[in-house]
Amino acid sequence: MQKGIYGIEYFNYFTFNNSIPEALFVATYEFDQPVGDYYIDTTRTDHFVEILEYDSIKHTVQGRFQMFLGKDPSSISFPGVPDSIFLTEGKFNLRIQEP
């Protein structure tokens, strides 16, 4: 893992594990009824994950992210579920599990 800015690509069930960050968000009602699948907005180019700090001794990583997700048009229409989700100024501080 290296410091830097990484783009986010469209989540595809067939191309995972290619080391490029992907985004998918699923909204559910009462824990078991799907009411919205959200995918990265491919019309935008300002999505990113940025690694700010990586400590290989402590096994931690810190960074920030930004992404814009649009609801899949084939998703069920449900009251109060938005057509899009914007995640801006996101931050993370994670402990990495050793393999």
C-alpha atoms as a PDB file:
ATOM      1  CA  MET A   1       0.000   0.000   0.000  1.00  0.00           C
ATOM      2  CA  GLN A   2       1.341   3.403  -0.923  1.00  0.00           C
ATOM      3  CA  LYS A   3       0.334   6.971  -0.136  1.00  0.00           C
ATOM      4  CA  GLY A   4      -1.489   8.667  -2.952  1.00  0.00           C
ATOM      5  CA  ILE A   5      -4.812   9.339  -4.619  1.00  0.00           C
ATOM      6  CA  TYR A   6      -6.696   6.481  -6.256  1.00  0.00           C
ATOM      7  CA  GLY A   7      -9.712   6.716  -8.536  1.00  0.00           C
ATOM      8  CA  ILE A   8     -12.907   4.777  -7.876  1.00  0.00           C
ATOM      9  CA  GLU A   9     -14.419   2.656 -10.616  1.00  0.00           C
ATOM     10  CA  TYR A  10     -17.894   1.293 -11.269  1.00  0.00           C
ATOM     11  CA  PHE A  11     -18.632  -1.849  -9.252  1.00  0.00           C
ATOM     12  CA  ASN A  12     -18.794  -4.837 -11.568  1.00  0.00           C
ATOM     13  CA  TYR A  13     -19.538  -8.269 -10.144  1.00  0.00           C
ATOM     14  CA  PHE A  14     -17.051  -9.841 -12.567  1.00  0.00           C
ATOM     15  CA  THR A  15     -13.937  -7.645 -12.164  1.00  0.00           C
ATOM     16  CA  PHE A  16     -13.440  -7.411  -8.419  1.00  0.00           C
ATOM     17  CA  ASN A  17      -9.986  -7.964  -6.890  1.00  0.00           C
ATOM     18  CA  ASN A  18      -8.213  -5.856  -9.521  1.00  0.00           C
ATOM     19  CA  SER A  19      -6.793  -3.555  -6.774  1.00  0.00           C
ATOM     20  CA  ILE A  20      -8.825  -0.537  -7.942  1.00  0.00           C
ATOM     21  CA  PRO A  21     -11.313   0.860  -5.387  1.00  0.00           C
ATOM     22  CA  GLU A  22     -14.954   0.248  -6.305  1.00  0.00           C
ATOM     23  CA  ALA A  23     -18.138   1.636  -4.782  1.00  0.00           C
ATOM     24  CA  LEU A  24     -21.524   0.054  -4.166  1.00  0.00           C
ATOM     25  CA  PHE A  25     -24.147   0.986  -1.573  1.00  0.00           C
ATOM     26  CA  VAL A  26     -27.337  -0.981  -0.931  1.00  0.00           C
ATOM     27  CA  ALA A  27     -30.280   0.469   0.997  1.00  0.00           C
ATOM     28  CA  THR A  28     -32.682  -1.901   2.738  1.00  0.00           C
ATOM     29  CA  TYR A  29     -35.952  -1.574   4.616  1.00  0.00           C
ATOM     30  CA  GLU A  30     -36.418  -3.593   7.820  1.00  0.00           C
ATOM     31  CA  PHE A  31     -33.038  -5.280   7.227  1.00  0.00           C
ATOM     32  CA  ASP A  32     -34.233  -7.600   4.451  1.00  0.00           C
ATOM     33  CA  GLN A  33     -36.113  -5.680   1.753  1.00  0.00           C
ATOM     34  CA  PRO A  34     -33.834  -4.025  -0.827  1.00  0.00           C
ATOM     35  CA  VAL A  35     -35.058  -0.539  -1.767  1.00  0.00           C
ATOM     36  CA  GLY A  36     -32.091   0.901  -3.643  1.00  0.00           C
ATOM     37  CA  ASP A  37     -28.797  -0.094  -5.218  1.00  0.00           C
ATOM     38  CA  TYR A  38     -26.380   2.809  -5.639  1.00  0.00           C
ATOM     39  CA  TYR A  39     -23.418   2.740  -8.023  1.00  0.00           C
ATOM     40  CA  ILE A  40     -20.639   5.228  -8.724  1.00  0.00           C
ATOM     41  CA  ASP A  41     -21.762   8.027 -11.071  1.00  0.00           C
ATOM     42  CA  THR A  42     -19.683   7.354 -14.189  1.00  0.00           C
ATOM     43  CA  THR A  43     -20.438  10.829 -15.606  1.00  0.00           C
ATOM     44  CA  ARG A  44     -18.231  12.382 -12.912  1.00  0.00           C
ATOM     45  CA  THR A  45     -14.466  12.246 -12.552  1.00  0.00           C
ATOM     46  CA  ASP A  46     -14.047  13.670  -9.053  1.00  0.00           C
ATOM     47  CA  HIS A  47     -14.285  10.419  -7.065  1.00  0.00           C
ATOM     48  CA  PHE A  48     -11.237   9.388  -5.068  1.00  0.00           C
ATOM     49  CA  VAL A  49      -9.726   7.507  -2.159  1.00  0.00           C
ATOM     50  CA  GLU A  50      -6.580   9.121  -0.784  1.00  0.00           C
ATOM     51  CA  ILE A  51      -4.136   7.281   1.454  1.00  0.00           C
ATOM     52  CA  LEU A  52      -2.573   9.899   3.746  1.00  0.00           C
ATOM     53  CA  GLU A  53      -0.697   7.692   6.211  1.00  0.00           C
ATOM     54  CA  TYR A  54       0.282   4.037   6.181  1.00  0.00           C
ATOM     55  CA  ASP A  55       2.104   2.365   9.074  1.00  0.00           C
ATOM     56  CA  SER A  56       3.335  -1.147   8.270  1.00  0.00           C
ATOM     57  CA  ILE A  57       4.484  -1.684  11.876  1.00  0.00           C
ATOM     58  CA  LYS A  58       1.187  -0.768  13.563  1.00  0.00           C
ATOM     59  CA  HIS A  59      -0.821  -2.045  10.562  1.00  0.00           C
ATOM     60  CA  THR A  60      -2.898   1.120  10.276  1.00  0.00           C
ATOM     61  CA  VAL A  61      -3.980   3.298   7.374  1.00  0.00           C
ATOM     62  CA  GLN A  62      -5.555   6.763   7.375  1.00  0.00           C
ATOM     63  CA  GLY A  63      -7.076   8.703   4.551  1.00  0.00           C
ATOM     64  CA  ARG A  64     -10.006  10.487   3.035  1.00  0.00           C
ATOM     65  CA  PHE A  65     -12.510   9.878   0.240  1.00  0.00           C
ATOM     66  CA  GLN A  66     -15.176  11.422  -1.935  1.00  0.00           C
ATOM     67  CA  MET A  67     -17.756   9.724  -4.121  1.00  0.00           C
ATOM     68  CA  PHE A  68     -21.041  10.410  -5.845  1.00  0.00           C
ATOM     69  CA  LEU A  69     -23.482   7.522  -6.142  1.00  0.00           C
ATOM     70  CA  GLY A  70     -26.609   7.275  -8.271  1.00  0.00           C
ATOM     71  CA  LYS A  71     -29.544   4.949  -7.676  1.00  0.00           C
ATOM     72  CA  ASP A  72     -29.931   2.130 -10.175  1.00  0.00           C
ATOM     73  CA  PRO A  73     -33.045   2.947 -12.245  1.00  0.00           C
ATOM     74  CA  SER A  74     -34.227  -0.658 -11.951  1.00  0.00           C
ATOM     75  CA  SER A  75     -34.332  -0.413  -8.127  1.00  0.00           C
ATOM     76  CA  ILE A  76     -37.677  -0.428  -6.378  1.00  0.00           C
ATOM     77  CA  SER A  77     -39.248   3.003  -5.822  1.00  0.00           C
ATOM     78  CA  PHE A  78     -39.690   3.568  -2.095  1.00  0.00           C
ATOM     79  CA  PRO A  79     -40.767   6.675  -0.134  1.00  0.00           C
ATOM     80  CA  GLY A  80     -37.880   8.649   1.360  1.00  0.00           C
ATOM     81  CA  VAL A  81     -35.155   6.856  -0.602  1.00  0.00           C
ATOM     82  CA  PRO A  82     -33.109   9.451  -2.534  1.00  0.00           C
ATOM     83  CA  ASP A  83     -32.075   9.181  -6.192  1.00  0.00           C
ATOM     84  CA  SER A  84     -28.445   9.905  -5.358  1.00  0.00           C
ATOM     85  CA  ILE A  85     -25.999   9.953  -2.450  1.00  0.00           C
ATOM     86  CA  PHE A  86     -23.024  12.304  -2.228  1.00  0.00           C
ATOM     87  CA  LEU A  87     -20.260  11.321   0.201  1.00  0.00           C
ATOM     88  CA  THR A  88     -17.877  14.248   0.545  1.00  0.00           C
ATOM     89  CA  GLU A  89     -15.163  14.996   3.076  1.00  0.00           C
ATOM     90  CA  GLY A  90     -15.114  11.322   4.135  1.00  0.00           C
ATOM     91  CA  LYS A  91     -12.325  10.163   6.431  1.00  0.00           C
ATOM     92  CA  PHE A  92     -11.121   6.770   7.584  1.00  0.00           C
ATOM     93  CA  ASN A  93      -8.693   5.435  10.167  1.00  0.00           C
ATOM     94  CA  LEU A  94      -8.381   1.653   9.868  1.00  0.00           C
ATOM     95  CA  ARG A  95      -6.436  -1.172  11.392  1.00  0.00           C
ATOM     96  CA  ILE A  96      -5.307  -3.657   8.725  1.00  0.00           C
ATOM     97  CA  GLN A  97      -5.668  -7.312   9.558  1.00  0.00           C
ATOM     98  CA  GLU A  98      -2.601  -9.411   8.776  1.00  0.00           C
ATOM     99  CA  PRO A  99      -3.152 -12.202   6.222  1.00  0.00           C
END
